[in-house]
């Protein structure tokens, strides 16, 4: 004899159709708020410093190539 499954209590509106439930999302640690802002600022500052370093290195190479023989 096959067992019958117990069904969960039903509401008038199923959860997947409820607009509040569809727009709900959960943040894991580090995905938002102060930690996220701190992480983004670290990435921005690091990218700027690396860009300045590479640009300076490139400028040095171009200067050395164009200064001519002594």
PDB file of N, CA and C in Angstrom:
ATOM      1  N   UNK A   1       0.838  -1.173   0.000  1.00  0.00           N
ATOM      2  CA  UNK A   1       0.000   0.000   0.000  1.00  0.00           C
ATOM      3  C   UNK A   1       0.891   1.247   0.000  1.00  0.00           C
ATOM      4  N   UNK A   2       0.628   2.185  -0.874  1.00  0.00           N
ATOM      5  CA  UNK A   2       1.427   3.404  -1.011  1.00  0.00           C
ATOM      6  C   UNK A   2       1.081   4.389   0.095  1.00  0.00           C
ATOM      7  N   UNK A   3       2.115   5.023   0.592  1.00  0.00           N
ATOM      8  CA  UNK A   3       1.906   6.038   1.629  1.00  0.00           C
ATOM      9  C   UNK A   3       1.460   7.342   0.992  1.00  0.00           C
ATOM     10  N   UNK A   4       0.632   8.032   1.670  1.00  0.00           N
ATOM     11  CA  UNK A   4       0.222   9.358   1.226  1.00  0.00           C
ATOM     12  C   UNK A   4       1.104  10.387   1.919  1.00  0.00           C
ATOM     13  N   UNK A   5       1.571  11.344   1.144  1.00  0.00           N
ATOM     14  CA  UNK A   5       2.399  12.393   1.709  1.00  0.00           C
ATOM     15  C   UNK A   5       1.524  13.431   2.385  1.00  0.00           C
ATOM     16  N   UNK A   6       2.032  13.936   3.496  1.00  0.00           N
ATOM     17  CA  UNK A   6       1.327  15.038   4.151  1.00  0.00           C
ATOM     18  C   UNK A   6       1.644  16.305   3.375  1.00  0.00           C
ATOM     19  N   UNK A   7       0.645  17.071   3.106  1.00  0.00           N
ATOM     20  CA  UNK A   7       0.866  18.325   2.390  1.00  0.00           C
ATOM     21  C   UNK A   7       0.984  19.466   3.380  1.00  0.00           C
ATOM     22  N   UNK A   8       1.839  20.402   3.032  1.00  0.00           N
ATOM     23  CA  UNK A   8       2.023  21.574   3.881  1.00  0.00           C
ATOM     24  C   UNK A   8       0.748  22.399   3.863  1.00  0.00           C
ATOM     25  N   UNK A   9       0.501  23.105   4.944  1.00  0.00           N
ATOM     26  CA  UNK A   9      -0.690  23.960   4.960  1.00  0.00           C
ATOM     27  C   UNK A   9      -0.625  24.990   3.838  1.00  0.00           C
ATOM     28  N   UNK A  10      -1.714  25.194   3.161  1.00  0.00           N
ATOM     29  CA  UNK A  10      -1.724  26.117   2.028  1.00  0.00           C
ATOM     30  C   UNK A  10      -2.246  27.480   2.461  1.00  0.00           C
ATOM     31  N   UNK A  11      -1.770  28.483   1.765  1.00  0.00           N
ATOM     32  CA  UNK A  11      -2.262  29.843   1.953  1.00  0.00           C
ATOM     33  C   UNK A  11      -3.103  30.179   0.734  1.00  0.00           C
ATOM     34  N   UNK A  12      -3.659  31.347   0.764  1.00  0.00           N
ATOM     35  CA  UNK A  12      -4.414  31.771  -0.414  1.00  0.00           C
ATOM     36  C   UNK A  12      -3.461  32.057  -1.577  1.00  0.00           C
ATOM     37  N   UNK A  13      -2.327  32.688  -1.291  1.00  0.00           N
ATOM     38  CA  UNK A  13      -1.342  33.003  -2.315  1.00  0.00           C
ATOM     39  C   UNK A  13      -0.099  32.159  -2.075  1.00  0.00           C
ATOM     40  N   UNK A  14       0.316  31.374  -3.057  1.00  0.00           N
ATOM     41  CA  UNK A  14       1.543  30.602  -2.872  1.00  0.00           C
ATOM     42  C   UNK A  14       2.745  31.523  -2.694  1.00  0.00           C
ATOM     43  N   UNK A  15       3.756  31.051  -1.969  1.00  0.00           N
ATOM     44  CA  UNK A  15       4.923  31.875  -1.663  1.00  0.00           C
ATOM     45  C   UNK A  15       5.618  32.385  -2.912  1.00  0.00           C
ATOM     46  N   UNK A  16       5.732  31.546  -3.927  1.00  0.00           N
ATOM     47  CA  UNK A  16       6.474  31.968  -5.113  1.00  0.00           C
ATOM     48  C   UNK A  16       5.738  33.021  -5.931  1.00  0.00           C
ATOM     49  N   UNK A  17       4.463  33.226  -5.676  1.00  0.00           N
ATOM     50  CA  UNK A  17       3.722  34.265  -6.390  1.00  0.00           C
ATOM     51  C   UNK A  17       3.611  35.559  -5.595  1.00  0.00           C
ATOM     52  N   UNK A  18       3.878  35.496  -4.296  1.00  0.00           N
ATOM     53  CA  UNK A  18       3.763  36.668  -3.440  1.00  0.00           C
ATOM     54  C   UNK A  18       4.872  37.666  -3.801  1.00  0.00           C
ATOM     55  N   UNK A  19       4.546  38.909  -4.151  1.00  0.00           N
ATOM     56  CA  UNK A  19       5.568  39.876  -4.566  1.00  0.00           C
ATOM     57  C   UNK A  19       6.622  40.123  -3.482  1.00  0.00           C
ATOM     58  N   UNK A  20       6.230  40.104  -2.226  1.00  0.00           N
ATOM     59  CA  UNK A  20       7.194  40.307  -1.150  1.00  0.00           C
ATOM     60  C   UNK A  20       8.221  39.177  -1.136  1.00  0.00           C
ATOM     61  N   UNK A  21       7.754  37.973  -1.325  1.00  0.00           N
ATOM     62  CA  UNK A  21       8.660  36.822  -1.295  1.00  0.00           C
ATOM     63  C   UNK A  21       9.555  36.781  -2.536  1.00  0.00           C
ATOM     64  N   UNK A  22       9.038  37.183  -3.677  1.00  0.00           N
ATOM     65  CA  UNK A  22       9.857  37.153  -4.899  1.00  0.00           C
ATOM     66  C   UNK A  22      10.985  38.153  -4.834  1.00  0.00           C
ATOM     67  N   UNK A  23      10.779  39.281  -4.165  1.00  0.00           N
ATOM     68  CA  UNK A  23      11.795  40.327  -4.081  1.00  0.00           C
ATOM     69  C   UNK A  23      12.731  40.133  -2.893  1.00  0.00           C
ATOM     70  N   UNK A  24      12.497  39.134  -2.082  1.00  0.00           N
ATOM     71  CA  UNK A  24      13.328  38.909  -0.910  1.00  0.00           C
ATOM     72  C   UNK A  24      14.642  38.258  -1.324  1.00  0.00           C
ATOM     73  N   UNK A  25      15.702  38.695  -0.724  1.00  0.00           N
ATOM     74  CA  UNK A  25      17.004  38.058  -0.932  1.00  0.00           C
ATOM     75  C   UNK A  25      17.764  38.153   0.378  1.00  0.00           C
ATOM     76  N   UNK A  26      18.744  37.324   0.511  1.00  0.00           N
ATOM     77  CA  UNK A  26      19.519  37.276   1.741  1.00  0.00           C
ATOM     78  C   UNK A  26      20.970  37.611   1.434  1.00  0.00           C
ATOM     79  N   UNK A  27      21.569  38.408   2.296  1.00  0.00           N
ATOM     80  CA  UNK A  27      22.970  38.754   2.154  1.00  0.00           C
ATOM     81  C   UNK A  27      23.804  37.853   3.053  1.00  0.00           C
ATOM     82  N   UNK A  28      24.854  37.342   2.500  1.00  0.00           N
ATOM     83  CA  UNK A  28      25.814  36.599   3.288  1.00  0.00           C
ATOM     84  C   UNK A  28      26.838  37.584   3.825  1.00  0.00           C
ATOM     85  N   UNK A  29      27.620  37.176   4.811  1.00  0.00           N
ATOM     86  CA  UNK A  29      28.620  38.097   5.348  1.00  0.00           C
ATOM     87  C   UNK A  29      29.572  38.590   4.251  1.00  0.00           C
ATOM     88  N   UNK A  30      29.821  39.886   4.236  1.00  0.00           N
ATOM     89  CA  UNK A  30      30.723  40.472   3.262  1.00  0.00           C
ATOM     90  C   UNK A  30      30.053  40.900   1.975  1.00  0.00           C
ATOM     91  N   UNK A  31      28.746  40.731   1.842  1.00  0.00           N
ATOM     92  CA  UNK A  31      28.061  41.086   0.605  1.00  0.00           C
ATOM     93  C   UNK A  31      27.413  42.459   0.657  1.00  0.00           C
ATOM     94  N   UNK A  32      27.423  43.094   1.761  1.00  0.00           N
ATOM     95  CA  UNK A  32      26.789  44.397   1.831  1.00  0.00           C
ATOM     96  C   UNK A  32      27.198  45.132   3.089  1.00  0.00           C
ATOM     97  N   UNK A  33      26.784  46.354   3.168  1.00  0.00           N
ATOM     98  CA  UNK A  33      27.045  47.130   4.367  1.00  0.00           C
ATOM     99  C   UNK A  33      28.471  47.620   4.465  1.00  0.00           C
ATOM    100  N   UNK A  34      28.915  47.792   5.686  1.00  0.00           N
ATOM    101  CA  UNK A  34      30.215  48.386   5.974  1.00  0.00           C
ATOM    102  C   UNK A  34      31.371  47.542   5.416  1.00  0.00           C
ATOM    103  N   UNK A  35      31.298  46.239   5.562  1.00  0.00           N
ATOM    104  CA  UNK A  35      32.373  45.370   5.071  1.00  0.00           C
ATOM    105  C   UNK A  35      32.480  45.449   3.547  1.00  0.00           C
ATOM    106  N   UNK A  36      31.351  45.483   2.864  1.00  0.00           N
ATOM    107  CA  UNK A  36      31.352  45.576   1.404  1.00  0.00           C
ATOM    108  C   UNK A  36      31.949  46.900   0.951  1.00  0.00           C
ATOM    109  N   UNK A  37      31.570  47.977   1.629  1.00  0.00           N
ATOM    110  CA  UNK A  37      32.100  49.303   1.279  1.00  0.00           C
ATOM    111  C   UNK A  37      33.609  49.344   1.510  1.00  0.00           C
ATOM    112  N   UNK A  38      34.071  48.790   2.624  1.00  0.00           N
ATOM    113  CA  UNK A  38      35.495  48.757   2.920  1.00  0.00           C
ATOM    114  C   UNK A  38      36.254  47.955   1.861  1.00  0.00           C
ATOM    115  N   UNK A  39      35.682  46.837   1.448  1.00  0.00           N
ATOM    116  CA  UNK A  39      36.313  46.002   0.422  1.00  0.00           C
ATOM    117  C   UNK A  39      36.394  46.743  -0.914  1.00  0.00           C
ATOM    118  N   UNK A  40      35.328  47.427  -1.303  1.00  0.00           N
ATOM    119  CA  UNK A  40      35.322  48.171  -2.557  1.00  0.00           C
ATOM    120  C   UNK A  40      36.324  49.318  -2.529  1.00  0.00           C
ATOM    121  N   UNK A  41      36.440  50.001  -1.403  1.00  0.00           N
ATOM    122  CA  UNK A  41      37.416  51.088  -1.292  1.00  0.00           C
ATOM    123  C   UNK A  41      38.839  50.546  -1.355  1.00  0.00           C
ATOM    124  N   UNK A  42      39.096  49.385  -0.768  1.00  0.00           N
ATOM    125  CA  UNK A  42      40.419  48.766  -0.845  1.00  0.00           C
ATOM    126  C   UNK A  42      40.760  48.415  -2.289  1.00  0.00           C
ATOM    127  N   UNK A  43      39.808  47.852  -3.010  1.00  0.00           N
ATOM    128  CA  UNK A  43      40.027  47.494  -4.414  1.00  0.00           C
ATOM    129  C   UNK A  43      40.299  48.752  -5.240  1.00  0.00           C
ATOM    130  N   UNK A  44      39.546  49.813  -5.008  1.00  0.00           N
ATOM    131  CA  UNK A  44      39.734  51.062  -5.748  1.00  0.00           C
ATOM    132  C   UNK A  44      41.113  51.660  -5.487  1.00  0.00           C
ATOM    133  N   UNK A  45      41.510  51.746  -4.218  1.00  0.00           N
ATOM    134  CA  UNK A  45      42.818  52.314  -3.881  1.00  0.00           C
ATOM    135  C   UNK A  45      43.948  51.466  -4.448  1.00  0.00           C
ATOM    136  N   UNK A  46      43.820  50.159  -4.358  1.00  0.00           N
ATOM    137  CA  UNK A  46      44.843  49.269  -4.896  1.00  0.00           C
ATOM    138  C   UNK A  46      44.959  49.430  -6.406  1.00  0.00           C
ATOM    139  N   UNK A  47      43.828  49.510  -7.092  1.00  0.00           N
ATOM    140  CA  UNK A  47      43.846  49.678  -8.551  1.00  0.00           C
ATOM    141  C   UNK A  47      44.492  51.004  -8.933  1.00  0.00           C
ATOM    142  N   UNK A  48      44.207  52.059  -8.198  1.00  0.00           N
ATOM    143  CA  UNK A  48      44.821  53.362  -8.492  1.00  0.00           C
ATOM    144  C   UNK A  48      46.334  53.327  -8.272  1.00  0.00           C
ATOM    145  N   UNK A  49      46.771  52.707  -7.186  1.00  0.00           N
ATOM    146  CA  UNK A  49      48.206  52.628  -6.920  1.00  0.00           C
ATOM    147  C   UNK A  49      48.929  51.795  -7.976  1.00  0.00           C
ATOM    148  N   UNK A  50      48.355  50.690  -8.359  1.00  0.00           N
ATOM    149  CA  UNK A  50      48.970  49.850  -9.399  1.00  0.00           C
ATOM    150  C   UNK A  50      48.996  50.606 -10.727  1.00  0.00           C
ATOM    151  N   UNK A  51      47.919  51.325 -11.036  1.00  0.00           N
ATOM    152  CA  UNK A  51      47.876  52.117 -12.266  1.00  0.00           C
ATOM    153  C   UNK A  51      48.945  53.196 -12.278  1.00  0.00           C
ATOM    154  N   UNK A  52      49.127  53.873 -11.156  1.00  0.00           N
ATOM    155  CA  UNK A  52      50.177  54.896 -11.071  1.00  0.00           C
ATOM    156  C   UNK A  52      51.564  54.279 -11.229  1.00  0.00           C
ATOM    157  N   UNK A  53      51.787  53.132 -10.615  1.00  0.00           N
ATOM    158  CA  UNK A  53      53.083  52.462 -10.704  1.00  0.00           C
ATOM    159  C   UNK A  53      53.384  52.040 -12.142  1.00  0.00           C
ATOM    160  N   UNK A  54      52.425  51.414 -12.794  1.00  0.00           N
ATOM    161  CA  UNK A  54      52.622  50.963 -14.178  1.00  0.00           C
ATOM    162  C   UNK A  54      52.814  52.153 -15.106  1.00  0.00           C
ATOM    163  N   UNK A  55      52.049  53.212 -14.888  1.00  0.00           N
ATOM    164  CA  UNK A  55      52.192  54.409 -15.704  1.00  0.00           C
ATOM    165  C   UNK A  55      53.578  55.033 -15.517  1.00  0.00           C
ATOM    166  N   UNK A  56      54.047  55.109 -14.290  1.00  0.00           N
ATOM    167  CA  UNK A  56      55.386  55.643 -14.026  1.00  0.00           C
ATOM    168  C   UNK A  56      56.470  54.778 -14.648  1.00  0.00           C
ATOM    169  N   UNK A  57      56.302  53.477 -14.572  1.00  0.00           N
ATOM    170  CA  UNK A  57      57.261  52.559 -15.188  1.00  0.00           C
ATOM    171  C   UNK A  57      57.293  52.737 -16.701  1.00  0.00           C
ATOM    172  N   UNK A  58      56.127  52.872 -17.293  1.00  0.00           N
ATOM    173  CA  UNK A  58      56.043  53.091 -18.741  1.00  0.00           C
ATOM    174  C   UNK A  58      56.687  54.429 -19.125  1.00  0.00           C
ATOM    175  N   UNK A  59      56.422  55.473 -18.337  1.00  0.00           N
ATOM    176  CA  UNK A  59      57.011  56.791 -18.609  1.00  0.00           C
ATOM    177  C   UNK A  59      58.529  56.729 -18.501  1.00  0.00           C
ATOM    178  N   UNK A  60      59.047  55.972 -17.528  1.00  0.00           N
ATOM    179  CA  UNK A  60      60.492  55.829 -17.373  1.00  0.00           C
ATOM    180  C   UNK A  60      61.102  55.137 -18.591  1.00  0.00           C
ATOM    181  N   UNK A  61      60.471  54.091 -19.078  1.00  0.00           N
ATOM    182  CA  UNK A  61      60.970  53.369 -20.254  1.00  0.00           C
ATOM    183  C   UNK A  61      60.971  54.289 -21.470  1.00  0.00           C
ATOM    184  N   UNK A  62      59.902  55.031 -21.680  1.00  0.00           N
ATOM    185  CA  UNK A  62      59.834  55.947 -22.825  1.00  0.00           C
ATOM    186  C   UNK A  62      60.898  57.030 -22.700  1.00  0.00           C
ATOM    187  N   UNK A  63      61.093  57.580 -21.501  1.00  0.00           N
ATOM    188  CA  UNK A  63      62.101  58.608 -21.287  1.00  0.00           C
ATOM    189  C   UNK A  63      63.504  58.072 -21.566  1.00  0.00           C
ATOM    190  N   UNK A  64      63.801  56.851 -21.070  1.00  0.00           N
ATOM    191  CA  UNK A  64      65.101  56.255 -21.302  1.00  0.00           C
ATOM    192  C   UNK A  64      65.355  55.994 -22.793  1.00  0.00           C
ATOM    193  N   UNK A  65      64.323  55.626 -23.522  1.00  0.00           N
ATOM    194  CA  UNK A  65      64.474  55.351 -24.943  1.00  0.00           C
ATOM    195  C   UNK A  65      64.685  56.645 -25.738  1.00  0.00           C
ATOM    196  N   UNK A  66      64.102  57.738 -25.313  1.00  0.00           N
ATOM    197  CA  UNK A  66      64.128  58.985 -26.082  1.00  0.00           C
ATOM    198  C   UNK A  66      65.187  59.974 -25.642  1.00  0.00           C
ATOM    199  N   UNK A  67      65.959  59.720 -24.626  1.00  0.00           N
ATOM    200  CA  UNK A  67      66.908  60.719 -24.158  1.00  0.00           C
ATOM    201  C   UNK A  67      68.158  60.779 -25.040  1.00  0.00           C
ATOM    202  N   UNK A  68      68.373  59.770 -25.846  1.00  0.00           N
ATOM    203  CA  UNK A  68      69.479  59.833 -26.805  1.00  0.00           C
ATOM    204  C   UNK A  68      70.807  59.406 -26.217  1.00  0.00           C
ATOM    205  N   UNK A  69      71.777  59.222 -27.104  1.00  0.00           N
ATOM    206  CA  UNK A  69      73.110  58.808 -26.619  1.00  0.00           C
ATOM    207  C   UNK A  69      73.844  59.957 -25.930  1.00  0.00           C
ATOM    208  N   UNK A  70      74.721  59.625 -24.998  1.00  0.00           N
ATOM    209  CA  UNK A  70      75.474  60.661 -24.292  1.00  0.00           C
ATOM    210  C   UNK A  70      76.781  60.916 -24.948  1.00  0.00           C
TER     211      UNK A  70
END
